[in-house]
């Protein structure tokens, strides 16, 4: 089950949602965790429609998900696209200090 945590990245602390286990191909895919991931992609789909995110318009098309908590091919494709695009971006994954502060 997802949980609300304080998440610190590079000295900035905000509240966020953490999934409990892995989501995607070969993942545990707990329905609550899948629902959070699907909702995140739905949020990005709507956010990236804004003109200031024009560089991401082509990526967002695969993120129009209907959150229901069940893992499916569309969710797996969105995860794969997101990881493929952002994994190479400095400061996004693996290049900044992360610390989870449990409430």
N, C-alpha and C. Protein backbone atom coordinates (compact mmCIF):
# COMPACT_ATOMS: atom_id res chain seq x y z
N UNK A 1 0.84 -1.19 0.00
CA UNK A 1 0.00 0.00 0.00
C UNK A 1 0.88 1.24 0.00
N UNK A 2 0.59 2.21 -0.86
CA UNK A 2 1.40 3.43 -0.90
C UNK A 2 1.30 4.16 0.43
N UNK A 3 2.29 4.99 0.68
CA UNK A 3 2.30 5.76 1.92
C UNK A 3 2.77 7.18 1.62
N UNK A 4 2.34 8.10 2.46
CA UNK A 4 2.77 9.49 2.37
C UNK A 4 4.04 9.62 3.18
N UNK A 5 5.10 10.11 2.54
CA UNK A 5 6.39 10.29 3.18
C UNK A 5 6.92 11.68 2.86
N UNK A 6 7.82 12.14 3.70
CA UNK A 6 8.60 13.31 3.36
C UNK A 6 9.79 12.80 2.55
N UNK A 7 10.01 13.41 1.41
CA UNK A 7 11.07 12.97 0.52
C UNK A 7 12.04 14.13 0.32
N UNK A 8 13.31 13.89 0.60
CA UNK A 8 14.34 14.92 0.43
C UNK A 8 15.18 14.60 -0.80
N UNK A 9 15.29 15.58 -1.69
CA UNK A 9 16.13 15.45 -2.87
C UNK A 9 16.99 16.70 -2.93
N UNK A 10 18.29 16.50 -2.85
CA UNK A 10 19.24 17.61 -2.90
C UNK A 10 18.92 18.70 -1.88
N UNK A 11 18.52 18.30 -0.69
CA UNK A 11 18.27 19.25 0.40
C UNK A 11 16.88 19.84 0.43
N UNK A 12 16.06 19.57 -0.56
CA UNK A 12 14.68 20.05 -0.58
C UNK A 12 13.77 18.93 -0.10
N UNK A 13 12.94 19.23 0.90
CA UNK A 13 12.04 18.22 1.46
C UNK A 13 10.60 18.59 1.15
N UNK A 14 9.88 17.65 0.60
CA UNK A 14 8.46 17.80 0.27
C UNK A 14 7.74 16.51 0.64
N UNK A 15 6.42 16.60 0.74
CA UNK A 15 5.64 15.39 0.91
C UNK A 15 5.39 14.75 -0.45
N UNK A 16 5.38 13.46 -0.47
CA UNK A 16 5.10 12.73 -1.70
C UNK A 16 4.55 11.36 -1.37
N UNK A 17 4.17 10.64 -2.40
CA UNK A 17 3.67 9.28 -2.22
C UNK A 17 4.75 8.30 -2.64
N UNK A 18 5.00 7.33 -1.82
CA UNK A 18 5.92 6.25 -2.13
C UNK A 18 5.12 4.97 -2.30
N UNK A 19 5.44 4.23 -3.32
CA UNK A 19 4.81 2.93 -3.46
C UNK A 19 5.55 1.95 -2.56
N UNK A 20 4.86 0.93 -2.14
CA UNK A 20 5.42 -0.05 -1.22
C UNK A 20 6.30 -1.06 -1.94
N UNK A 21 5.92 -1.41 -3.16
CA UNK A 21 6.64 -2.45 -3.88
C UNK A 21 6.73 -2.10 -5.35
N UNK A 22 7.34 -2.98 -6.13
CA UNK A 22 7.59 -2.72 -7.55
C UNK A 22 6.32 -2.78 -8.39
N UNK A 23 6.30 -1.93 -9.42
CA UNK A 23 5.17 -1.88 -10.35
C UNK A 23 5.72 -2.00 -11.76
N UNK A 24 5.10 -2.85 -12.56
CA UNK A 24 5.51 -3.03 -13.95
C UNK A 24 5.77 -4.49 -14.27
N UNK A 25 6.38 -4.72 -15.41
CA UNK A 25 6.67 -6.09 -15.86
C UNK A 25 7.56 -6.77 -14.83
N UNK A 26 7.12 -7.93 -14.33
CA UNK A 26 7.88 -8.68 -13.34
C UNK A 26 7.77 -8.11 -11.94
N UNK A 27 6.97 -7.07 -11.74
CA UNK A 27 6.82 -6.45 -10.43
C UNK A 27 5.78 -7.14 -9.58
N UNK A 28 5.71 -6.73 -8.32
CA UNK A 28 4.72 -7.27 -7.40
C UNK A 28 3.32 -6.79 -7.79
N UNK A 29 3.21 -5.54 -8.24
CA UNK A 29 1.97 -4.97 -8.77
C UNK A 29 0.81 -5.01 -7.78
N UNK A 30 1.06 -4.57 -6.56
CA UNK A 30 -0.04 -4.42 -5.59
C UNK A 30 -1.01 -3.38 -6.14
N UNK A 31 -2.32 -3.63 -6.09
CA UNK A 31 -3.30 -2.72 -6.68
C UNK A 31 -3.17 -1.27 -6.22
N UNK A 32 -2.90 -1.04 -4.93
CA UNK A 32 -2.74 0.34 -4.46
C UNK A 32 -1.54 1.03 -5.07
N UNK A 33 -0.45 0.29 -5.21
CA UNK A 33 0.76 0.85 -5.83
C UNK A 33 0.54 1.13 -7.31
N UNK A 34 -0.11 0.19 -8.00
CA UNK A 34 -0.40 0.37 -9.42
C UNK A 34 -1.29 1.60 -9.61
N UNK A 35 -2.27 1.77 -8.74
CA UNK A 35 -3.18 2.91 -8.82
C UNK A 35 -2.42 4.23 -8.70
N UNK A 36 -1.47 4.31 -7.77
CA UNK A 36 -0.67 5.53 -7.61
C UNK A 36 0.14 5.83 -8.87
N UNK A 37 0.78 4.81 -9.43
CA UNK A 37 1.57 4.99 -10.64
C UNK A 37 0.68 5.43 -11.80
N UNK A 38 -0.47 4.80 -11.95
CA UNK A 38 -1.40 5.18 -13.02
C UNK A 38 -1.88 6.63 -12.85
N UNK A 39 -2.18 7.00 -11.61
CA UNK A 39 -2.64 8.37 -11.34
C UNK A 39 -1.52 9.38 -11.63
N UNK A 40 -0.27 9.01 -11.33
CA UNK A 40 0.86 9.88 -11.64
C UNK A 40 0.96 10.12 -13.14
N UNK A 41 0.83 9.05 -13.92
CA UNK A 41 0.90 9.20 -15.37
C UNK A 41 -0.27 10.04 -15.90
N UNK A 42 -1.43 9.87 -15.33
CA UNK A 42 -2.60 10.68 -15.74
C UNK A 42 -2.34 12.16 -15.44
N UNK A 43 -1.75 12.43 -14.27
CA UNK A 43 -1.40 13.80 -13.90
C UNK A 43 -0.38 14.37 -14.89
N UNK A 44 0.66 13.60 -15.22
CA UNK A 44 1.67 14.07 -16.18
C UNK A 44 1.05 14.32 -17.55
N UNK A 45 0.12 13.46 -17.95
CA UNK A 45 -0.57 13.64 -19.23
C UNK A 45 -1.22 15.02 -19.29
N UNK A 46 -1.91 15.38 -18.21
CA UNK A 46 -2.60 16.67 -18.18
C UNK A 46 -1.62 17.83 -18.03
N UNK A 47 -0.62 17.68 -17.17
CA UNK A 47 0.37 18.74 -16.94
C UNK A 47 1.15 19.05 -18.21
N UNK A 48 1.62 18.01 -18.91
CA UNK A 48 2.48 18.20 -20.06
C UNK A 48 1.72 18.67 -21.30
N UNK A 49 0.41 18.90 -21.19
CA UNK A 49 -0.35 19.48 -22.30
C UNK A 49 -0.09 20.99 -22.38
N UNK A 50 0.45 21.57 -21.31
CA UNK A 50 0.70 23.02 -21.26
C UNK A 50 1.82 23.38 -22.24
N UNK A 51 1.72 24.57 -22.82
CA UNK A 51 2.72 25.00 -23.82
C UNK A 51 4.17 24.95 -23.32
N UNK A 52 4.39 25.22 -22.05
CA UNK A 52 5.77 25.22 -21.54
C UNK A 52 6.40 23.83 -21.52
N UNK A 53 5.60 22.80 -21.75
CA UNK A 53 6.11 21.43 -21.81
C UNK A 53 6.06 20.88 -23.23
N UNK A 54 6.18 21.75 -24.21
CA UNK A 54 6.06 21.34 -25.62
C UNK A 54 7.04 20.23 -25.98
N UNK A 55 8.22 20.24 -25.37
CA UNK A 55 9.22 19.21 -25.68
C UNK A 55 8.77 17.82 -25.24
N UNK A 56 7.78 17.75 -24.36
CA UNK A 56 7.31 16.46 -23.85
C UNK A 56 5.98 16.03 -24.45
N UNK A 57 5.43 16.82 -25.37
CA UNK A 57 4.12 16.50 -25.94
C UNK A 57 4.07 15.12 -26.58
N UNK A 58 5.12 14.73 -27.27
CA UNK A 58 5.09 13.41 -27.93
C UNK A 58 5.15 12.28 -26.92
N UNK A 59 5.84 12.50 -25.81
CA UNK A 59 5.95 11.47 -24.77
C UNK A 59 4.63 11.28 -24.02
N UNK A 60 3.88 12.35 -23.85
CA UNK A 60 2.69 12.30 -23.01
C UNK A 60 1.56 11.46 -23.58
N UNK A 61 1.53 11.22 -24.87
CA UNK A 61 0.41 10.50 -25.48
C UNK A 61 0.20 9.11 -24.87
N UNK A 62 1.27 8.45 -24.45
CA UNK A 62 1.14 7.12 -23.85
C UNK A 62 0.74 7.14 -22.39
N UNK A 63 0.57 8.34 -21.83
CA UNK A 63 0.28 8.46 -20.41
C UNK A 63 -1.20 8.66 -20.10
N UNK A 64 -2.05 8.63 -21.12
CA UNK A 64 -3.49 8.79 -20.88
C UNK A 64 -4.05 7.47 -20.35
N UNK A 65 -3.91 7.29 -19.05
CA UNK A 65 -4.36 6.06 -18.40
C UNK A 65 -5.62 6.34 -17.60
N UNK A 66 -6.39 5.31 -17.38
CA UNK A 66 -7.58 5.38 -16.53
C UNK A 66 -7.27 4.58 -15.28
N UNK A 67 -6.86 5.27 -14.21
CA UNK A 67 -6.42 4.58 -12.99
C UNK A 67 -7.50 3.64 -12.43
N UNK A 68 -7.13 2.36 -12.34
CA UNK A 68 -8.05 1.37 -11.78
C UNK A 68 -7.34 0.36 -10.88
N UNK A 69 -6.01 0.49 -10.77
CA UNK A 69 -5.26 -0.40 -9.89
C UNK A 69 -4.88 -1.74 -10.50
N UNK A 70 -5.27 -1.99 -11.77
CA UNK A 70 -4.86 -3.26 -12.39
C UNK A 70 -3.75 -3.01 -13.39
N UNK A 71 -2.73 -3.84 -13.31
CA UNK A 71 -1.61 -3.70 -14.24
C UNK A 71 -2.06 -4.17 -15.61
N UNK A 72 -1.65 -3.44 -16.64
CA UNK A 72 -2.02 -3.80 -18.01
C UNK A 72 -0.93 -3.33 -18.96
N UNK A 73 -1.05 -3.65 -20.21
CA UNK A 73 -0.01 -3.33 -21.19
C UNK A 73 0.20 -1.82 -21.32
N UNK A 74 -0.88 -1.06 -21.27
CA UNK A 74 -0.76 0.40 -21.41
C UNK A 74 0.04 0.98 -20.24
N UNK A 75 -0.19 0.47 -19.03
CA UNK A 75 0.56 0.93 -17.86
C UNK A 75 2.02 0.53 -17.99
N UNK A 76 2.28 -0.70 -18.39
CA UNK A 76 3.66 -1.16 -18.58
C UNK A 76 4.37 -0.32 -19.65
N UNK A 77 3.68 0.01 -20.73
CA UNK A 77 4.28 0.83 -21.78
C UNK A 77 4.61 2.23 -21.27
N UNK A 78 3.71 2.81 -20.46
CA UNK A 78 3.96 4.14 -19.91
C UNK A 78 5.19 4.13 -19.00
N UNK A 79 5.30 3.10 -18.17
CA UNK A 79 6.46 2.97 -17.28
C UNK A 79 7.74 2.87 -18.11
N UNK A 80 7.72 2.03 -19.11
CA UNK A 80 8.89 1.83 -19.96
C UNK A 80 9.28 3.13 -20.68
N UNK A 81 8.31 3.84 -21.23
CA UNK A 81 8.59 5.10 -21.92
C UNK A 81 9.17 6.14 -20.97
N UNK A 82 8.59 6.24 -19.80
CA UNK A 82 9.06 7.19 -18.80
C UNK A 82 10.50 6.88 -18.41
N UNK A 83 10.77 5.63 -18.11
CA UNK A 83 12.12 5.24 -17.70
C UNK A 83 13.12 5.45 -18.83
N UNK A 84 12.75 5.10 -20.03
CA UNK A 84 13.65 5.24 -21.18
C UNK A 84 13.99 6.71 -21.40
N UNK A 85 13.00 7.58 -21.30
CA UNK A 85 13.22 9.00 -21.56
C UNK A 85 14.02 9.67 -20.44
N UNK A 86 13.65 9.40 -19.19
CA UNK A 86 14.23 10.15 -18.07
C UNK A 86 15.46 9.52 -17.44
N UNK A 87 15.71 8.27 -17.68
CA UNK A 87 16.86 7.61 -17.05
C UNK A 87 18.17 8.26 -17.45
N UNK A 88 18.23 8.88 -18.60
CA UNK A 88 19.47 9.51 -19.05
C UNK A 88 19.59 10.96 -18.61
N UNK A 89 18.58 11.49 -17.95
CA UNK A 89 18.60 12.89 -17.54
C UNK A 89 19.35 13.05 -16.22
N UNK A 90 20.40 13.81 -16.22
CA UNK A 90 21.18 14.05 -15.00
C UNK A 90 20.28 14.73 -13.96
N UNK A 91 20.35 14.22 -12.73
CA UNK A 91 19.57 14.81 -11.65
C UNK A 91 18.18 14.22 -11.49
N UNK A 92 17.77 13.38 -12.40
CA UNK A 92 16.44 12.79 -12.28
C UNK A 92 16.52 11.47 -11.54
N UNK A 93 17.32 10.53 -12.02
CA UNK A 93 17.44 9.23 -11.36
C UNK A 93 18.91 8.92 -11.13
N UNK A 94 19.24 8.62 -9.89
CA UNK A 94 20.56 8.13 -9.59
C UNK A 94 21.66 9.16 -9.47
N UNK A 95 21.38 10.41 -9.72
CA UNK A 95 22.42 11.41 -9.67
C UNK A 95 22.21 12.43 -8.57
N UNK A 96 21.23 12.24 -7.73
CA UNK A 96 21.02 13.17 -6.64
C UNK A 96 20.79 12.37 -5.36
N UNK A 97 21.08 12.99 -4.25
CA UNK A 97 20.93 12.31 -2.96
C UNK A 97 19.46 12.24 -2.61
N UNK A 98 18.99 11.04 -2.30
CA UNK A 98 17.60 10.84 -1.91
C UNK A 98 17.55 10.32 -0.49
N UNK A 99 16.62 10.83 0.25
CA UNK A 99 16.45 10.36 1.63
C UNK A 99 14.97 10.37 1.93
N UNK A 100 14.49 9.26 2.41
CA UNK A 100 13.08 9.14 2.79
C UNK A 100 12.99 9.34 4.29
N UNK A 101 12.16 10.28 4.69
CA UNK A 101 11.96 10.55 6.12
C UNK A 101 10.57 10.04 6.46
N UNK A 102 10.50 8.97 7.22
CA UNK A 102 9.20 8.39 7.58
C UNK A 102 8.52 9.27 8.59
N UNK A 103 7.20 9.42 8.44
CA UNK A 103 6.42 10.18 9.41
C UNK A 103 6.17 9.38 10.66
